[in-house]
């Protein structure tokens, strides 16, 4: 929990990338603690992605309202299809958040004519792995059309499939790497950061004592690059690694 204060440089953090921060087994108090860490270490950029849109919306309207309007915290939902995904986007649009994003991955069907108004960023990609379901180019084109119409920055991650390195990530003979411009506070000295970390070390010990009822969170750290896309920093040029501080049930 204190780790973000001690990293040697500002990074992009994909919070709980292997699970869901808003899973029903994650206590409200723990989610609030993580949000306060994000507030107290604002030199990083945090991306929080969930399938549990209703719980996220409820907490951001109440207990987490202090974190909703922060430019360096991005709140997002997953949209894989019409039945489950599109209602999540509709809920996200009602949240009073400074940054909203949608992960359209894996894209499992044509989403039709839907609304992306107020969404800052869309990440689109196909499923990967031995049992990957195919993604049609027309489905991707449709999402890109909607993004262009509604003013949402479009990022194409991959075609996916069993051999995703072979299928690549080019769309219409180019890559699409744009993302919103990062907005973070100046990076303080190590002494300042160490002092800020001290109370969170104590909180981390408290939560560790609650195991296995309350496990820790996995954080994926994406190191910032100096490359930029036309809309902001290029995500494709970032290196990434993972820091495991705990593990929640998978989403």
Protein backbone atom coordinates (compact mmCIF):
# COMPACT_ATOMS: atom_id res chain seq x y z
CA UNK A 1 0.00 0.00 0.00
CA UNK A 2 2.97 2.32 0.62
CA UNK A 3 4.73 1.23 -2.57
CA UNK A 4 3.59 4.17 -4.78
CA UNK A 5 5.47 6.57 -2.49
CA UNK A 6 8.75 4.71 -2.96
CA UNK A 7 8.88 4.10 -6.71
CA UNK A 8 11.87 6.00 -8.16
CA UNK A 9 9.94 7.86 -10.87
CA UNK A 10 6.36 8.78 -11.86
CA UNK A 11 4.51 5.91 -13.51
CA UNK A 12 1.14 4.89 -14.90
CA UNK A 13 -0.51 2.39 -12.58
CA UNK A 14 -3.11 -0.13 -13.75
CA UNK A 15 -4.70 -0.80 -10.36
CA UNK A 16 -5.56 -4.44 -9.62
CA UNK A 17 -5.00 -5.49 -13.23
CA UNK A 18 -5.62 -9.21 -12.60
CA UNK A 19 -8.85 -8.78 -10.65
CA UNK A 20 -11.50 -6.14 -9.91
CA UNK A 21 -11.12 -3.50 -7.22
CA UNK A 22 -14.91 -3.31 -6.88
CA UNK A 23 -15.38 -7.07 -6.39
CA UNK A 24 -17.99 -7.73 -3.70
CA UNK A 25 -15.37 -9.33 -1.43
CA UNK A 26 -13.24 -6.18 -1.37
CA UNK A 27 -14.31 -4.05 1.64
CA UNK A 28 -15.35 -0.43 1.11
CA UNK A 29 -12.77 0.60 3.69
CA UNK A 30 -9.96 -1.01 1.71
CA UNK A 31 -11.07 0.64 -1.54
CA UNK A 32 -11.15 3.98 0.26
CA UNK A 33 -7.62 3.42 1.58
CA UNK A 34 -6.34 2.79 -1.94
CA UNK A 35 -8.12 5.89 -3.23
CA UNK A 36 -6.49 7.98 -0.50
CA UNK A 37 -3.08 6.61 -1.49
CA UNK A 38 -3.82 7.76 -5.04
CA UNK A 39 -4.73 11.19 -3.71
CA UNK A 40 -1.59 11.46 -1.57
CA UNK A 41 0.71 10.28 -4.38
CA UNK A 42 -0.65 12.43 -7.24
CA UNK A 43 2.59 12.36 -9.25
CA UNK A 44 1.49 8.98 -10.64
CA UNK A 45 -1.44 8.37 -13.01
CA UNK A 46 -3.87 5.63 -11.90
CA UNK A 47 -6.20 3.63 -14.14
CA UNK A 48 -9.02 1.79 -12.34
CA UNK A 49 -11.00 -0.63 -14.51
CA UNK A 50 -14.07 -2.63 -13.45
CA UNK A 51 -16.98 -4.76 -14.55
CA UNK A 52 -18.86 -3.80 -11.38
CA UNK A 53 -20.02 -0.43 -12.65
CA UNK A 54 -22.90 -0.01 -10.23
CA UNK A 55 -20.73 -0.39 -7.13
CA UNK A 56 -18.10 1.96 -8.55
CA UNK A 57 -20.74 4.58 -9.35
CA UNK A 58 -22.27 4.28 -5.89
CA UNK A 59 -18.93 4.67 -4.10
CA UNK A 60 -17.79 7.57 -6.30
CA UNK A 61 -21.03 9.36 -5.48
CA UNK A 62 -20.46 8.79 -1.76
CA UNK A 63 -17.48 7.40 0.08
CA UNK A 64 -15.03 7.98 -2.79
CA UNK A 65 -16.40 11.34 -3.93
CA UNK A 66 -13.12 12.99 -2.87
CA UNK A 67 -11.34 11.07 -5.65
CA UNK A 68 -13.88 11.37 -8.48
CA UNK A 69 -12.72 14.71 -9.85
CA UNK A 70 -8.97 14.11 -9.85
CA UNK A 71 -7.32 14.37 -13.27
CA UNK A 72 -4.65 11.82 -12.37
CA UNK A 73 -7.18 9.07 -11.50
CA UNK A 74 -8.96 7.50 -14.47
CA UNK A 75 -12.14 5.49 -13.85
CA UNK A 76 -13.12 2.91 -16.45
CA UNK A 77 -15.40 0.01 -17.35
CA UNK A 78 -15.13 -3.04 -19.58
CA UNK A 79 -17.42 -3.33 -22.61
CA UNK A 80 -17.24 -6.66 -24.39
CA UNK A 81 -20.76 -6.88 -25.85
CA UNK A 82 -24.17 -5.22 -26.02
CA UNK A 83 -25.90 -7.08 -23.18
CA UNK A 84 -23.35 -6.50 -20.41
CA UNK A 85 -20.95 -3.90 -21.78
CA UNK A 86 -23.16 -1.11 -23.06
CA UNK A 87 -25.01 -0.68 -19.73
CA UNK A 88 -21.61 -0.21 -18.07
CA UNK A 89 -20.78 2.64 -20.44
CA UNK A 90 -24.14 4.25 -19.70
CA UNK A 91 -23.41 4.09 -15.97
CA UNK A 92 -19.90 5.48 -16.44
CA UNK A 93 -21.34 8.47 -18.27
CA UNK A 94 -23.37 9.37 -15.18
CA UNK A 95 -20.32 9.44 -12.89
CA UNK A 96 -18.92 12.86 -12.06
CA UNK A 97 -15.35 11.85 -12.88
CA UNK A 98 -12.57 13.97 -14.35
CA UNK A 99 -11.35 11.07 -16.53
CA UNK A 100 -13.46 8.25 -17.93
CA UNK A 101 -12.26 5.39 -20.13
CA UNK A 102 -13.65 2.20 -21.64
CA UNK A 103 -11.80 -1.03 -22.37
CA UNK A 104 -13.55 -2.58 -25.37
CA UNK A 105 -11.57 -5.77 -24.97
CA UNK A 106 -12.25 -8.46 -25.81
CA UNK A 107 -14.67 -7.14 -28.41
CA UNK A 108 -17.02 -10.09 -28.91
CA UNK A 109 -19.68 -8.69 -31.24
CA UNK A 110 -20.78 -5.65 -33.22
CA UNK A 111 -21.86 -3.03 -30.68
CA UNK A 112 -24.09 -1.21 -33.14
CA UNK A 113 -24.82 2.50 -32.81
CA UNK A 114 -24.04 3.39 -29.18
CA UNK A 115 -23.09 6.54 -27.28
CA UNK A 116 -19.55 7.41 -26.12
CA UNK A 117 -20.25 11.03 -25.20
CA UNK A 118 -18.14 12.10 -22.22
CA UNK A 119 -15.73 9.16 -22.50
CA UNK A 120 -12.12 10.32 -22.80
CA UNK A 121 -10.47 7.16 -24.09
CA UNK A 122 -11.38 3.79 -25.65
CA UNK A 123 -9.02 0.81 -25.75
CA UNK A 124 -10.10 -1.74 -28.37
CA UNK A 125 -8.77 -5.26 -28.83
CA UNK A 126 -9.51 -8.87 -29.59
CA UNK A 127 -9.36 -11.84 -27.27
CA UNK A 128 -6.09 -13.80 -27.14
CA UNK A 129 -5.16 -17.33 -26.14
CA UNK A 130 -5.92 -20.91 -27.27
CA UNK A 131 -9.71 -20.47 -27.05
CA UNK A 132 -9.87 -16.89 -28.30
CA UNK A 133 -13.10 -15.88 -29.98
CA UNK A 134 -12.60 -14.04 -33.28
CA UNK A 135 -13.04 -10.28 -33.69
CA UNK A 136 -14.27 -8.96 -37.04
CA UNK A 137 -12.66 -5.86 -38.61
CA UNK A 138 -16.11 -4.34 -39.15
CA UNK A 139 -16.74 -4.38 -35.39
CA UNK A 140 -13.54 -2.42 -34.78
CA UNK A 141 -14.35 0.06 -37.54
CA UNK A 142 -17.73 0.68 -35.96
CA UNK A 143 -16.21 1.46 -32.55
CA UNK A 144 -13.71 3.80 -34.18
CA UNK A 145 -16.52 5.56 -36.05
CA UNK A 146 -18.44 6.10 -32.80
CA UNK A 147 -15.30 7.40 -31.06
CA UNK A 148 -14.59 9.86 -33.87
CA UNK A 149 -18.19 11.10 -33.80
CA UNK A 150 -18.33 11.50 -30.00
CA UNK A 151 -14.85 12.92 -29.43
CA UNK A 152 -13.31 9.86 -27.72
CA UNK A 153 -9.61 9.11 -28.22
CA UNK A 154 -9.22 5.71 -29.92
CA UNK A 155 -6.46 3.23 -29.04
CA UNK A 156 -6.17 -0.10 -30.86
CA UNK A 157 -4.40 -2.70 -28.75
CA UNK A 158 -4.41 -5.95 -30.72
CA UNK A 159 -6.25 -8.34 -33.06
CA UNK A 160 -5.62 -11.15 -30.60
CA UNK A 161 -6.16 -14.79 -31.47
CA UNK A 162 -4.04 -17.78 -30.58
CA UNK A 163 -0.87 -16.08 -31.88
CA UNK A 164 -1.37 -12.40 -31.08
CA UNK A 165 2.20 -11.47 -32.00
CA UNK A 166 1.54 -12.71 -35.53
CA UNK A 167 -1.82 -10.99 -35.93
CA UNK A 168 -0.30 -7.76 -34.64
CA UNK A 169 -1.95 -4.45 -33.82
CA UNK A 170 -2.16 -2.50 -37.06
CA UNK A 171 -5.51 -1.22 -38.27
CA UNK A 172 -5.80 0.25 -41.78
CA UNK A 173 -2.03 0.01 -42.22
CA UNK A 174 -1.07 1.94 -39.09
CA UNK A 175 -1.06 1.72 -35.31
CA UNK A 176 -3.41 3.75 -33.12
CA UNK A 177 -1.56 4.65 -29.93
CA UNK A 178 -3.13 7.90 -28.76
CA UNK A 179 -4.27 8.45 -25.20
CA UNK A 180 -5.30 11.42 -23.06
CA UNK A 181 -2.50 13.69 -21.92
CA UNK A 182 -1.21 12.65 -18.52
CA UNK A 183 -1.93 15.14 -15.75
CA UNK A 184 0.09 14.58 -12.61
CA UNK A 185 1.72 16.61 -9.83
CA UNK A 186 5.46 17.37 -9.60
CA UNK A 187 7.62 14.51 -8.33
CA UNK A 188 8.75 15.23 -4.73
CA UNK A 189 12.06 14.35 -3.12
CA UNK A 190 12.64 10.88 -1.69
CA UNK A 191 12.61 12.29 1.86
CA UNK A 192 9.13 13.72 1.38
CA UNK A 193 7.88 10.49 -0.15
CA UNK A 194 9.31 8.33 2.65
CA UNK A 195 7.50 10.43 5.25
CA UNK A 196 4.25 10.16 3.32
CA UNK A 197 4.66 6.37 3.14
CA UNK A 198 4.96 5.78 6.90
CA UNK A 199 1.26 5.79 7.87
CA UNK A 200 0.45 3.60 4.88
CA UNK A 201 2.96 0.98 5.99
CA UNK A 202 0.90 0.70 9.17
CA UNK A 203 -2.33 0.38 7.20
CA UNK A 204 -0.75 -2.29 5.01
CA UNK A 205 0.15 -4.28 8.13
CA UNK A 206 -3.45 -3.99 9.32
CA UNK A 207 -4.84 -5.32 6.04
CA UNK A 208 -2.21 -8.08 5.90
CA UNK A 209 -3.39 -9.22 9.34
CA UNK A 210 -6.88 -9.74 7.88
CA UNK A 211 -5.77 -12.44 5.43
CA UNK A 212 -7.14 -14.61 3.94
CA UNK A 213 -10.36 -12.63 4.26
CA UNK A 214 -8.70 -9.47 2.96
CA UNK A 215 -5.87 -10.19 0.51
CA UNK A 216 -3.71 -7.50 -1.12
CA UNK A 217 -3.97 -5.87 -4.54
CA UNK A 218 -1.86 -6.43 -7.62
CA UNK A 219 -0.72 -3.27 -9.34
CA UNK A 220 0.65 -3.12 -12.86
CA UNK A 221 3.12 -0.31 -13.32
CA UNK A 222 3.61 1.20 -16.77
CA UNK A 223 6.79 3.25 -16.89
CA UNK A 224 6.38 6.54 -18.67
CA UNK A 225 8.07 7.17 -21.96
CA UNK A 226 9.01 10.43 -23.65
CA UNK A 227 7.11 9.49 -26.82
CA UNK A 228 3.82 11.18 -27.56
CA UNK A 229 0.92 10.51 -29.88
CA UNK A 230 -1.05 13.27 -31.57
CA UNK A 231 -3.46 13.41 -28.62
CA UNK A 232 -0.95 12.85 -25.84
CA UNK A 233 1.52 10.26 -24.66
CA UNK A 234 1.91 7.09 -26.69
CA UNK A 235 0.91 4.05 -24.68
CA UNK A 236 2.58 1.65 -27.09
CA UNK A 237 6.00 3.05 -26.28
CA UNK A 238 5.65 2.47 -22.54
CA UNK A 239 7.39 -0.40 -20.78
CA UNK A 240 5.44 -2.29 -18.16
CA UNK A 241 6.06 -4.45 -15.16
CA UNK A 242 4.00 -5.73 -12.25
CA UNK A 243 4.28 -5.25 -8.52
CA UNK A 244 2.32 -7.72 -6.42
CA UNK A 245 1.24 -6.37 -3.06
CA UNK A 246 -1.77 -8.65 -2.63
CA UNK A 247 -4.33 -10.69 -4.57
CA UNK A 248 -8.11 -10.46 -4.83
CA UNK A 249 -10.56 -12.94 -6.33
CA UNK A 250 -10.45 -12.87 -10.10
CA UNK A 251 -13.15 -10.84 -11.83
